[in-house]
Amino acid sequence: MKTSSGFITLFMGIVTFLTSCSTLHRQPLSGLSDNYCEPAIQYRYDSSYLPKPTNQALRQVDTSLTLKYSQHDLLLANAVGILPLLGELNKLQNNGSPEAHVESIKKRQHILNRLLLASTQIDGFAAELDCEGERADQIATYLDQLDAQRTRRLTILSVVIGAATTVATALIQSSSTNKVVGIGGGVIGTGFGGLAAFSSNRSVLFSHPRNLLTDIWKQPEQSSVYPPMIWYILNERRFSNKGHHSISYNIRQRWHDYVINGASSAQLTLYFGDSGLYEAGDLHNRANMLNELQSSVRSINQDLQSLVLAVSQ
């Protein structure tokens, strides 16, 4: 009986030791509340170059401009705020005097400078979206690694307990004790094996007070986060491929259908609020939405290329 008791004590000690070893200690995470993706300075936009409402802008377009520029280019010129400059350039080009020719060169350079500034706005905002997506994905990957480590340890623990149980039952001569150890070890080993099949559901408090997703989801007329030029293009339906709905509306629908389909009100508050407790899956979803939005913003450069070519002719 002493030998049996000794084996039982030894067996339980192994279980206790391995269980304690399987505990994952959470390390403090940095960067969860740092807004290092946010621009270091506050941009101020010249009110004379802000886009006008589409109908108002098109009514003011000179007929001669519609012969040279497509409606798409004219709408983009309105977004950049250079529609009046295009009218002035067109008049100078129709004037055959040497003075008008010199002025037209200056006017074209002015327009191209504004288009270059628009391109930097696009690249700068896309860089912020990229940074926010990487920030979310980095923390999500960290949580995934902790979960994978936990799964490996629980799996190893289950195997070790199974082996220890086999050895113990072979050495213990008492049938009653043998059954206790065999059944207990089997239950414990199976329990740890079952735990390995489930996610740990670890969560972290992730902060994003300048939430770049919120305005796309709520669809306000004006945005306090997006540059006016970018916000105008994202919300003018004529810039989308089919022209039925705006780019921002189509993005929102894709999020609704493919990324956060079936999300609860608490999850929607998490994604489009200023902070909250995120699990790895939530952070991956956030990164996916930011990456899709980044691609749409970068694609505005294709529209700029068309207008630059038209102005350069």
Protein backbone atom coordinates (compact mmCIF):
# COMPACT_ATOMS: atom_id res chain seq x y z
CA MET A 1 0.00 0.00 0.00
CA LYS A 2 2.89 2.34 0.71
CA THR A 3 4.18 1.73 -2.81
CA SER A 4 0.72 2.44 -4.26
CA SER A 5 0.37 5.61 -2.23
CA GLY A 6 3.80 6.69 -3.37
CA PHE A 7 2.90 6.23 -7.02
CA ILE A 8 -0.34 8.15 -6.53
CA THR A 9 1.50 11.01 -4.83
CA LEU A 10 4.13 11.03 -7.57
CA PHE A 11 1.47 10.96 -10.29
CA MET A 12 -0.48 13.86 -8.79
CA GLY A 13 2.76 15.81 -8.38
CA ILE A 14 3.50 15.38 -12.08
CA VAL A 15 0.01 16.56 -12.99
CA THR A 16 0.28 19.58 -10.70
CA PHE A 17 3.73 20.49 -11.99
CA LEU A 18 2.76 20.17 -15.66
CA THR A 19 -0.44 22.10 -15.10
CA SER A 20 1.47 24.95 -13.53
CA CYS A 21 3.95 24.89 -16.41
CA SER A 22 1.13 25.19 -18.93
CA THR A 23 0.01 28.54 -17.55
CA LEU A 24 0.79 31.38 -19.95
CA HIS A 25 1.87 34.59 -18.36
CA ARG A 26 0.57 37.60 -20.23
CA GLN A 27 3.25 40.11 -21.00
CA PRO A 28 2.45 43.83 -21.00
CA LEU A 29 1.76 45.08 -24.52
CA SER A 30 2.94 48.44 -25.82
CA GLY A 31 1.38 50.50 -28.58
CA LEU A 32 -2.23 49.65 -27.71
CA SER A 33 -3.12 53.24 -26.85
CA ASP A 34 -0.35 55.07 -28.75
CA ASN A 35 -1.63 57.06 -31.72
CA TYR A 36 1.65 56.79 -33.59
CA CYS A 37 -0.18 56.44 -36.93
CA GLU A 38 -1.92 59.81 -36.55
CA PRO A 39 -0.29 62.77 -38.36
CA ALA A 40 2.03 64.72 -36.09
CA ILE A 41 0.57 68.02 -37.32
CA GLN A 42 -2.94 69.28 -38.01
CA TYR A 43 -3.50 70.04 -41.69
CA ARG A 44 -5.29 73.21 -42.74
CA TYR A 45 -6.93 73.27 -46.14
CA ASP A 46 -7.21 76.43 -48.24
CA SER A 47 -10.94 77.21 -48.47
CA SER A 48 -10.51 78.55 -52.02
CA TYR A 49 -9.64 75.03 -53.22
CA LEU A 50 -12.36 73.08 -51.43
CA PRO A 51 -14.73 71.06 -53.66
CA LYS A 52 -18.15 72.56 -54.37
CA PRO A 53 -21.41 70.56 -54.48
CA THR A 54 -21.46 68.62 -57.74
CA ASN A 55 -24.56 70.19 -59.29
CA GLN A 56 -23.34 73.69 -58.49
CA ALA A 57 -19.89 72.97 -59.94
CA LEU A 58 -21.24 71.49 -63.19
CA ARG A 59 -23.59 74.43 -63.76
CA GLN A 60 -20.60 76.79 -63.67
CA VAL A 61 -18.58 74.80 -66.21
CA ASP A 62 -17.93 76.65 -69.45
CA THR A 63 -19.12 74.83 -72.56
CA SER A 64 -15.64 74.94 -74.07
CA LEU A 65 -14.32 72.88 -71.13
CA THR A 66 -16.77 70.05 -71.78
CA LEU A 67 -15.33 69.72 -75.29
CA LYS A 68 -11.79 69.19 -73.94
CA TYR A 69 -12.37 67.38 -70.65
CA SER A 70 -14.59 64.44 -69.78
CA GLN A 71 -17.18 64.83 -67.04
CA HIS A 72 -15.07 62.50 -64.90
CA ASP A 73 -12.06 64.82 -65.25
CA LEU A 74 -14.18 67.88 -64.52
CA LEU A 75 -15.56 66.29 -61.36
CA LEU A 76 -12.03 65.44 -60.26
CA ALA A 77 -10.97 69.03 -61.00
CA ASN A 78 -13.81 70.14 -58.74
CA ALA A 79 -12.59 67.76 -56.03
CA VAL A 80 -9.09 69.22 -56.21
CA GLY A 81 -10.49 72.77 -56.43
CA ILE A 82 -8.96 73.68 -59.80
CA LEU A 83 -12.11 73.88 -61.93
CA PRO A 84 -11.91 77.73 -62.17
CA LEU A 85 -8.22 77.45 -63.04
CA LEU A 86 -9.03 75.12 -65.92
CA GLY A 87 -11.47 77.73 -67.28
CA GLU A 88 -8.80 80.42 -67.05
CA LEU A 89 -6.24 78.18 -68.75
CA ASN A 90 -8.64 77.41 -71.57
CA LYS A 91 -9.24 81.11 -72.25
CA LEU A 92 -5.51 81.86 -72.30
CA GLN A 93 -4.88 79.00 -74.72
CA ASN A 94 -7.55 80.34 -77.07
CA ASN A 95 -5.83 83.75 -77.03
CA GLY A 96 -3.05 83.77 -79.61
CA SER A 97 -0.97 86.57 -78.10
CA PRO A 98 2.57 85.91 -76.82
CA GLU A 99 1.62 87.32 -73.43
CA ALA A 100 -1.30 84.88 -73.15
CA HIS A 101 1.01 82.00 -74.09
CA VAL A 102 3.39 82.87 -71.25
CA GLU A 103 0.50 83.20 -68.80
CA SER A 104 -0.94 79.87 -69.94
CA ILE A 105 2.36 78.15 -69.11
CA LYS A 106 2.26 79.66 -65.61
CA LYS A 107 -1.39 78.70 -65.20
CA ARG A 108 -0.74 75.10 -66.27
CA GLN A 109 2.14 74.85 -63.80
CA HIS A 110 -0.13 76.16 -61.05
CA ILE A 111 -2.68 73.49 -61.89
CA LEU A 112 -0.09 70.73 -61.97
CA ASN A 113 1.22 71.86 -58.59
CA ARG A 114 -2.28 71.53 -57.12
CA LEU A 115 -2.57 68.06 -58.64
CA LEU A 116 0.77 67.12 -57.10
CA LEU A 117 -0.49 68.32 -53.72
CA ALA A 118 -3.62 66.21 -54.18
CA SER A 119 -1.43 63.19 -54.90
CA THR A 120 0.53 63.75 -51.68
CA GLN A 121 -2.75 63.99 -49.74
CA ILE A 122 -3.77 60.62 -51.15
CA ASP A 123 -0.41 59.02 -50.34
CA GLY A 124 -0.33 60.54 -46.85
CA PHE A 125 -3.82 59.37 -45.93
CA ALA A 126 -3.21 55.94 -47.44
CA ALA A 127 -0.04 55.69 -45.34
CA GLU A 128 -2.07 56.37 -42.19
CA LEU A 129 -4.57 53.68 -43.18
CA ASP A 130 -1.71 51.27 -43.83
CA CYS A 131 -0.15 52.07 -40.45
CA GLU A 132 -3.43 51.54 -38.60
CA GLY A 133 -3.98 48.24 -40.40
CA GLU A 134 -0.49 47.04 -39.51
CA ARG A 135 -0.97 48.15 -35.88
CA ALA A 136 -4.13 46.06 -35.55
CA ASP A 137 -2.65 43.09 -37.40
CA GLN A 138 0.50 43.11 -35.28
CA ILE A 139 -1.43 42.79 -32.01
CA ALA A 140 -3.72 40.17 -33.57
CA THR A 141 -0.69 38.11 -34.62
CA TYR A 142 0.71 38.38 -31.09
CA LEU A 143 -2.55 37.03 -29.63
CA ASP A 144 -2.58 34.25 -32.25
CA GLN A 145 0.94 33.25 -31.21
CA LEU A 146 -0.08 33.12 -27.54
CA ASP A 147 -3.03 30.93 -28.46
CA ALA A 148 -0.84 28.62 -30.56
CA GLN A 149 1.65 28.34 -27.68
CA ARG A 150 -1.18 27.50 -25.29
CA THR A 151 -2.50 24.83 -27.68
CA ARG A 152 0.94 23.23 -28.03
CA ARG A 153 1.47 23.11 -24.27
CA LEU A 154 -1.96 21.63 -23.59
CA THR A 155 -1.42 19.01 -26.28
CA ILE A 156 1.99 18.05 -24.85
CA LEU A 157 0.48 17.99 -21.37
CA SER A 158 -2.25 15.63 -22.52
CA VAL A 159 0.31 13.27 -24.10
CA VAL A 160 2.57 13.31 -21.01
CA ILE A 161 -0.33 12.62 -18.67
CA GLY A 162 -1.42 9.74 -20.88
CA ALA A 163 2.07 8.26 -20.80
CA ALA A 164 2.39 8.77 -17.05
CA THR A 165 -0.96 7.09 -16.51
CA THR A 166 0.12 4.06 -18.56
CA VAL A 167 3.34 3.69 -16.59
CA ALA A 168 1.58 4.16 -13.25
CA THR A 169 -1.14 1.59 -13.95
CA ALA A 170 1.51 -0.92 -15.04
CA LEU A 171 3.48 -0.54 -11.80
CA ILE A 172 0.66 -0.28 -9.29
CA GLN A 173 -0.39 -3.74 -8.16
CA SER A 174 -3.55 -2.79 -6.26
CA SER A 175 -6.48 -3.20 -8.64
CA SER A 176 -8.57 -0.50 -6.93
CA THR A 177 -5.76 2.01 -6.98
CA ASN A 178 -4.92 0.98 -10.53
CA LYS A 179 -8.46 1.79 -11.65
CA VAL A 180 -8.47 5.13 -9.84
CA VAL A 181 -5.20 6.19 -11.42
CA GLY A 182 -6.23 4.89 -14.85
CA ILE A 183 -9.61 6.59 -14.87
CA GLY A 184 -8.33 9.81 -13.30
CA GLY A 185 -5.38 10.09 -15.67
CA GLY A 186 -7.58 9.37 -18.66
CA VAL A 187 -10.10 12.02 -17.66
CA ILE A 188 -7.41 14.63 -16.98
CA GLY A 189 -5.53 13.85 -20.19
CA THR A 190 -8.71 13.98 -22.25
CA GLY A 191 -9.67 17.25 -20.55
CA PHE A 192 -6.41 18.94 -21.48
CA GLY A 193 -6.67 17.55 -25.00
CA GLY A 194 -10.16 19.00 -25.28
CA LEU A 195 -9.03 22.38 -24.00
CA ALA A 196 -6.39 22.50 -26.73
CA ALA A 197 -9.15 22.40 -29.35
CA PHE A 198 -10.70 25.64 -28.11
CA SER A 199 -9.44 29.18 -28.53
CA SER A 200 -8.26 30.97 -25.41
CA ASN A 201 -10.34 34.08 -26.29
CA ARG A 202 -7.63 36.39 -25.04
CA SER A 203 -8.48 40.08 -25.38
CA VAL A 204 -6.65 43.38 -25.12
CA LEU A 205 -7.83 46.95 -24.69
CA PHE A 206 -7.11 48.53 -28.08
CA SER A 207 -7.52 52.30 -28.54
CA HIS A 208 -8.21 54.24 -31.76
CA PRO A 209 -9.67 57.69 -30.93
CA ARG A 210 -9.06 58.84 -34.53
CA ASN A 211 -11.09 56.02 -36.02
CA LEU A 212 -10.72 55.99 -39.81
CA LEU A 213 -13.54 53.45 -40.20
CA THR A 214 -16.30 55.40 -38.46
CA ASP A 215 -17.21 57.90 -41.18
CA ILE A 216 -17.37 55.18 -43.83
CA TRP A 217 -19.82 53.24 -41.68
CA LYS A 218 -21.96 56.22 -40.61
CA GLN A 219 -21.84 58.02 -44.00
CA PRO A 220 -21.97 61.68 -42.82
CA GLU A 221 -22.06 64.49 -45.40
CA GLN A 222 -18.78 65.91 -44.10
CA SER A 223 -15.83 64.28 -42.37
CA SER A 224 -13.57 65.70 -39.70
CA VAL A 225 -10.92 63.04 -40.39
CA TYR A 226 -10.69 62.68 -44.17
CA PRO A 227 -9.19 65.39 -46.40
CA PRO A 228 -12.07 67.21 -48.18
CA MET A 229 -10.83 66.16 -51.61
CA ILE A 230 -10.71 62.46 -50.70
CA TRP A 231 -14.05 62.57 -48.88
CA TYR A 232 -15.72 64.21 -51.90
CA ILE A 233 -14.43 61.55 -54.28
CA LEU A 234 -15.40 58.67 -51.98
CA ASN A 235 -18.96 60.02 -51.71
CA GLU A 236 -19.64 61.20 -55.27
CA ARG A 237 -21.34 58.25 -56.98
CA ARG A 238 -20.01 59.21 -60.42
CA PHE A 239 -16.53 58.16 -59.31
CA SER A 240 -17.60 54.55 -58.75
CA ASN A 241 -17.37 52.11 -61.66
CA LYS A 242 -21.11 51.67 -62.17
CA GLY A 243 -22.18 55.07 -60.86
CA HIS A 244 -25.16 53.71 -58.92
CA HIS A 245 -23.70 54.22 -55.45
CA SER A 246 -20.69 56.04 -54.03
CA ILE A 247 -17.37 54.31 -53.35
CA SER A 248 -17.83 54.73 -49.60
CA TYR A 249 -21.31 53.17 -49.75
CA ASN A 250 -19.97 50.18 -51.71
CA ILE A 251 -17.13 49.74 -49.20
CA ARG A 252 -19.62 49.80 -46.34
CA GLN A 253 -21.76 47.15 -48.03
CA ARG A 254 -18.77 44.86 -48.58
CA TRP A 255 -17.85 45.21 -44.92
CA HIS A 256 -21.41 44.38 -43.95
CA ASP A 257 -21.62 41.36 -46.26
CA TYR A 258 -18.16 39.81 -46.00
CA VAL A 259 -16.30 41.08 -42.93
CA ILE A 260 -18.73 41.79 -40.10
CA ASN A 261 -21.80 39.93 -41.29
CA GLY A 262 -23.88 39.04 -38.24
CA ALA A 263 -21.85 41.23 -35.89
CA SER A 264 -23.62 42.24 -32.68
CA SER A 265 -24.26 45.84 -31.69
CA ALA A 266 -21.43 45.52 -29.16
CA GLN A 267 -19.02 44.49 -31.93
CA LEU A 268 -20.14 47.38 -34.15
CA THR A 269 -19.49 49.76 -31.26
CA LEU A 270 -16.07 48.14 -30.89
CA TYR A 271 -15.10 48.56 -34.55
CA PHE A 272 -16.49 52.05 -35.05
CA GLY A 273 -16.03 53.54 -31.57
CA ASP A 274 -12.84 54.90 -30.03
CA SER A 275 -11.61 51.84 -28.08
CA GLY A 276 -12.60 48.48 -26.63
CA LEU A 277 -11.58 44.93 -25.73
CA TYR A 278 -10.44 43.19 -28.91
CA GLU A 279 -9.87 39.49 -29.50
CA ALA A 280 -7.52 38.34 -32.27
CA GLY A 281 -10.37 37.78 -34.74
CA ASP A 282 -11.75 41.27 -34.14
CA LEU A 283 -8.33 42.80 -34.76
CA HIS A 284 -7.94 40.83 -37.99
CA ASN A 285 -11.36 42.11 -39.11
CA ARG A 286 -10.33 45.66 -38.32
CA ALA A 287 -7.09 45.26 -40.27
CA ASN A 288 -8.99 43.85 -43.27
CA MET A 289 -11.39 46.80 -43.34
CA LEU A 290 -8.52 49.29 -43.11
CA ASN A 291 -6.60 47.54 -45.89
CA GLU A 292 -9.62 47.56 -48.21
CA LEU A 293 -10.18 51.23 -47.52
CA GLN A 294 -6.51 51.94 -48.17
CA SER A 295 -6.75 50.29 -51.61
CA SER A 296 -9.77 52.41 -52.52
CA VAL A 297 -8.01 55.61 -51.48
CA ARG A 298 -4.86 54.73 -53.42
CA SER A 299 -6.93 54.05 -56.55
CA ILE A 300 -7.80 57.78 -56.70
CA ASN A 301 -4.33 58.21 -58.22
CA GLN A 302 -5.73 56.55 -61.34
CA ASP A 303 -8.25 59.40 -61.66
CA LEU A 304 -5.47 61.94 -61.12
CA GLN A 305 -3.44 60.41 -63.92
CA SER A 306 -6.32 60.94 -66.36
CA LEU A 307 -6.65 64.62 -65.43
CA VAL A 308 -2.89 65.21 -65.55
CA LEU A 309 -2.75 63.80 -69.07
CA ALA A 310 -5.67 66.00 -70.15
CA VAL A 311 -4.09 69.15 -68.68
CA SER A 312 -0.70 68.39 -70.24
CA GLN A 313 -2.06 68.22 -73.78
